[in-house]
């Protein structure tokens, strides 16, 4: 049948569906970008307001007392031999609850927690819920940060397992 300026419904329907699905896709992309901007503004406002230092000092003191009671290491000093020393290694695990990569890494982090419970405790931190994320400049999840005496000695971003961090922990434990 020749074309006389009338579009059949068979041709119009897929075209309309394609236009609508493209608009939905663009709307979803715009919402994702807006949410990312909102999250960045929230993190920036926390760091500007000075929440990082006040909250972090209280978290550090509570985590130090908590880990001091769970560790099995003791110092060689006669006076301190009765109380266990806190571990010098610590792992920070930054994640988001709805991140599929974080969820896939979680069993590996749990295994890491069980393996190094007394030697290198793992602290799980929901990324944008903590001022530690801005302190350590975490911009992507999942992120694992290894601390030695409070100083960053390793960072793994978007990892799929914990073999590299385990090797680093083992080398630092051997070094003393």
Protein backbone atom coordinates (compact mmCIF):
# COMPACT_ATOMS: atom_id res chain seq x y z
CA UNK A 1 0.00 0.00 0.00
CA UNK A 2 1.48 3.38 -0.92
CA UNK A 3 2.28 5.98 1.73
CA UNK A 4 -0.20 8.91 1.67
CA UNK A 5 0.88 10.87 4.77
CA UNK A 6 -0.97 8.62 7.19
CA UNK A 7 1.12 6.71 9.69
CA UNK A 8 -0.15 3.28 10.47
CA UNK A 9 -0.50 2.26 14.10
CA UNK A 10 2.02 -0.54 13.52
CA UNK A 11 4.77 2.00 12.82
CA UNK A 12 3.69 4.63 15.39
CA UNK A 13 3.53 2.32 18.43
CA UNK A 14 7.22 1.24 18.50
CA UNK A 15 8.31 4.83 17.84
CA UNK A 16 6.26 6.17 20.76
CA UNK A 17 7.54 3.40 23.03
CA UNK A 18 11.12 4.21 22.06
CA UNK A 19 10.63 7.93 22.73
CA UNK A 20 9.03 7.29 26.14
CA UNK A 21 11.71 4.80 27.22
CA UNK A 22 14.46 7.25 26.16
CA UNK A 23 12.85 10.04 28.20
CA UNK A 24 12.60 7.75 31.25
CA UNK A 25 16.26 6.83 30.86
CA UNK A 26 17.27 10.49 30.69
CA UNK A 27 15.13 11.31 33.74
CA UNK A 28 16.78 8.52 35.74
CA UNK A 29 20.23 9.78 34.74
CA UNK A 30 19.32 13.30 35.83
CA UNK A 31 18.04 12.04 39.20
CA UNK A 32 21.26 10.09 39.77
CA UNK A 33 23.35 13.18 39.03
CA UNK A 34 21.24 15.32 41.36
CA UNK A 35 21.58 12.76 44.17
CA UNK A 36 25.35 12.67 43.68
CA UNK A 37 25.50 16.46 43.91
CA UNK A 38 23.36 16.45 47.06
CA UNK A 39 25.64 13.86 48.68
CA UNK A 40 28.75 15.89 47.81
CA UNK A 41 27.17 19.01 49.32
CA UNK A 42 26.31 17.07 52.49
CA UNK A 43 29.86 15.73 52.85
CA UNK A 44 31.33 19.17 52.19
CA UNK A 45 29.05 20.80 54.75
CA UNK A 46 30.07 18.23 57.37
CA UNK A 47 33.75 18.89 56.82
CA UNK A 48 33.27 22.68 56.75
CA UNK A 49 31.23 22.60 59.95
CA UNK A 50 34.12 20.90 61.75
CA UNK A 51 32.19 17.75 62.56
CA UNK A 52 35.12 15.61 61.47
CA UNK A 53 37.52 16.48 64.26
CA UNK A 54 35.08 16.47 67.17
CA UNK A 55 33.34 13.25 66.19
CA UNK A 56 36.55 11.54 65.17
CA UNK A 57 38.29 12.14 68.51
CA UNK A 58 35.41 10.60 70.42
CA UNK A 59 35.26 7.66 68.00
CA UNK A 60 39.02 7.14 68.28
CA UNK A 61 38.98 7.09 72.06
CA UNK A 62 36.03 4.70 72.21
CA UNK A 63 37.49 2.39 69.57
CA UNK A 64 40.89 2.43 71.30
CA UNK A 65 39.35 1.33 74.60
CA UNK A 66 37.24 -1.25 72.80
CA UNK A 67 40.17 -2.77 70.90
CA UNK A 68 42.44 -2.67 73.94
CA UNK A 69 40.18 -5.14 75.68
CA UNK A 70 40.01 -7.55 72.74
CA UNK A 71 43.64 -7.77 71.67
CA UNK A 72 45.99 -10.54 72.75
CA UNK A 73 49.27 -8.61 72.32
CA UNK A 74 51.17 -7.47 75.40
CA UNK A 75 54.11 -5.15 75.72
CA UNK A 76 57.51 -6.19 77.06
CA UNK A 77 57.43 -3.62 79.81
CA UNK A 78 56.88 -5.06 83.28
CA UNK A 79 54.41 -2.31 84.22
CA UNK A 80 52.30 -2.73 81.09
CA UNK A 81 52.48 -6.51 80.90
CA UNK A 82 49.22 -6.91 82.82
CA UNK A 83 47.16 -4.93 80.26
CA UNK A 84 47.03 -5.82 76.57
CA UNK A 85 48.29 -3.23 74.09
CA UNK A 86 45.95 -2.01 71.33
CA UNK A 87 46.71 -3.33 67.86
CA UNK A 88 48.74 -1.02 65.71
CA UNK A 89 46.88 -2.10 62.55
CA UNK A 90 43.29 -1.25 61.70
CA UNK A 91 41.17 -1.71 58.56
CA UNK A 92 38.45 0.77 57.60
CA UNK A 93 35.76 -0.61 55.26
CA UNK A 94 33.70 2.14 53.59
CA UNK A 95 30.49 0.89 51.98
CA UNK A 96 26.93 1.77 51.01
CA UNK A 97 24.03 -0.52 51.92
CA UNK A 98 22.52 -0.47 48.43
CA UNK A 99 25.83 -0.89 46.54
CA UNK A 100 25.98 -4.28 44.80
CA UNK A 101 29.80 -4.24 44.75
CA UNK A 102 29.87 -3.61 48.50
CA UNK A 103 27.43 -6.46 49.06
CA UNK A 104 29.61 -8.78 46.97
CA UNK A 105 32.71 -7.79 48.98
CA UNK A 106 31.03 -8.14 52.37
CA UNK A 107 31.68 -11.91 52.81
CA UNK A 108 35.38 -11.29 52.12
CA UNK A 109 35.46 -8.50 54.71
CA UNK A 110 33.71 -10.75 57.23
CA UNK A 111 36.40 -13.39 56.66
CA UNK A 112 39.05 -10.68 57.10
CA UNK A 113 37.39 -9.68 60.41
CA UNK A 114 37.48 -13.26 61.68
CA UNK A 115 41.06 -13.89 60.54
CA UNK A 116 42.59 -10.71 61.99
CA UNK A 117 40.16 -9.91 64.83
CA UNK A 118 42.84 -9.26 67.45
CA UNK A 119 45.69 -8.16 65.18
CA UNK A 120 43.94 -5.81 62.75
CA UNK A 121 40.30 -5.10 63.63
CA UNK A 122 37.98 -4.10 60.79
CA UNK A 123 35.68 -1.11 61.25
CA UNK A 124 32.77 -0.97 58.80
CA UNK A 125 31.64 2.56 57.97
CA UNK A 126 28.65 3.52 55.86
CA UNK A 127 30.27 6.01 53.49
CA UNK A 128 28.22 9.18 53.73
CA UNK A 129 27.00 8.55 57.26
CA UNK A 130 30.40 9.16 58.82
CA UNK A 131 32.79 12.11 58.93
CA UNK A 132 35.62 9.58 58.52
CA UNK A 133 34.70 9.42 54.83
CA UNK A 134 35.64 13.06 54.35
CA UNK A 135 38.68 12.76 56.62
CA UNK A 136 40.11 9.96 54.48
CA UNK A 137 38.77 11.51 51.24
CA UNK A 138 36.72 8.48 50.25
CA UNK A 139 35.08 9.19 46.90
CA UNK A 140 34.05 5.70 45.80
CA UNK A 141 32.75 2.58 47.47
CA UNK A 142 33.72 -0.07 48.32
CA UNK A 143 36.97 1.28 49.75
CA UNK A 144 39.28 -0.49 52.20
CA UNK A 145 41.93 1.56 54.02
CA UNK A 146 44.69 -0.05 56.09
CA UNK A 147 46.03 2.06 58.97
CA UNK A 148 49.29 1.43 60.81
CA UNK A 149 49.49 3.44 64.05
CA UNK A 150 46.81 5.76 62.68
CA UNK A 151 48.61 6.43 59.39
CA UNK A 152 47.31 5.20 56.04
CA UNK A 153 49.59 2.51 54.59
CA UNK A 154 47.25 1.06 51.98
CA UNK A 155 44.08 1.86 50.07
CA UNK A 156 42.01 -0.44 47.87
CA UNK A 157 39.13 1.02 45.86
CA UNK A 158 36.49 -1.02 43.99
CA UNK A 159 38.14 -4.30 44.97
CA UNK A 160 36.45 -7.67 44.52
CA UNK A 161 38.32 -9.63 47.22
CA UNK A 162 40.69 -9.07 50.13
CA UNK A 163 43.78 -11.07 49.09
CA UNK A 164 45.95 -7.97 48.56
CA UNK A 165 45.02 -6.42 51.89
CA UNK A 166 45.61 -9.75 53.66
CA UNK A 167 49.09 -9.93 52.14
CA UNK A 168 49.82 -6.35 53.26
CA UNK A 169 48.57 -7.07 56.80
CA UNK A 170 50.73 -10.21 56.99
CA UNK A 171 53.84 -8.32 55.83
CA UNK A 172 53.25 -5.55 58.40
CA UNK A 173 52.69 -8.09 61.18
CA UNK A 174 55.94 -9.88 60.26
CA UNK A 175 57.79 -6.56 60.26
CA UNK A 176 56.62 -5.94 63.80
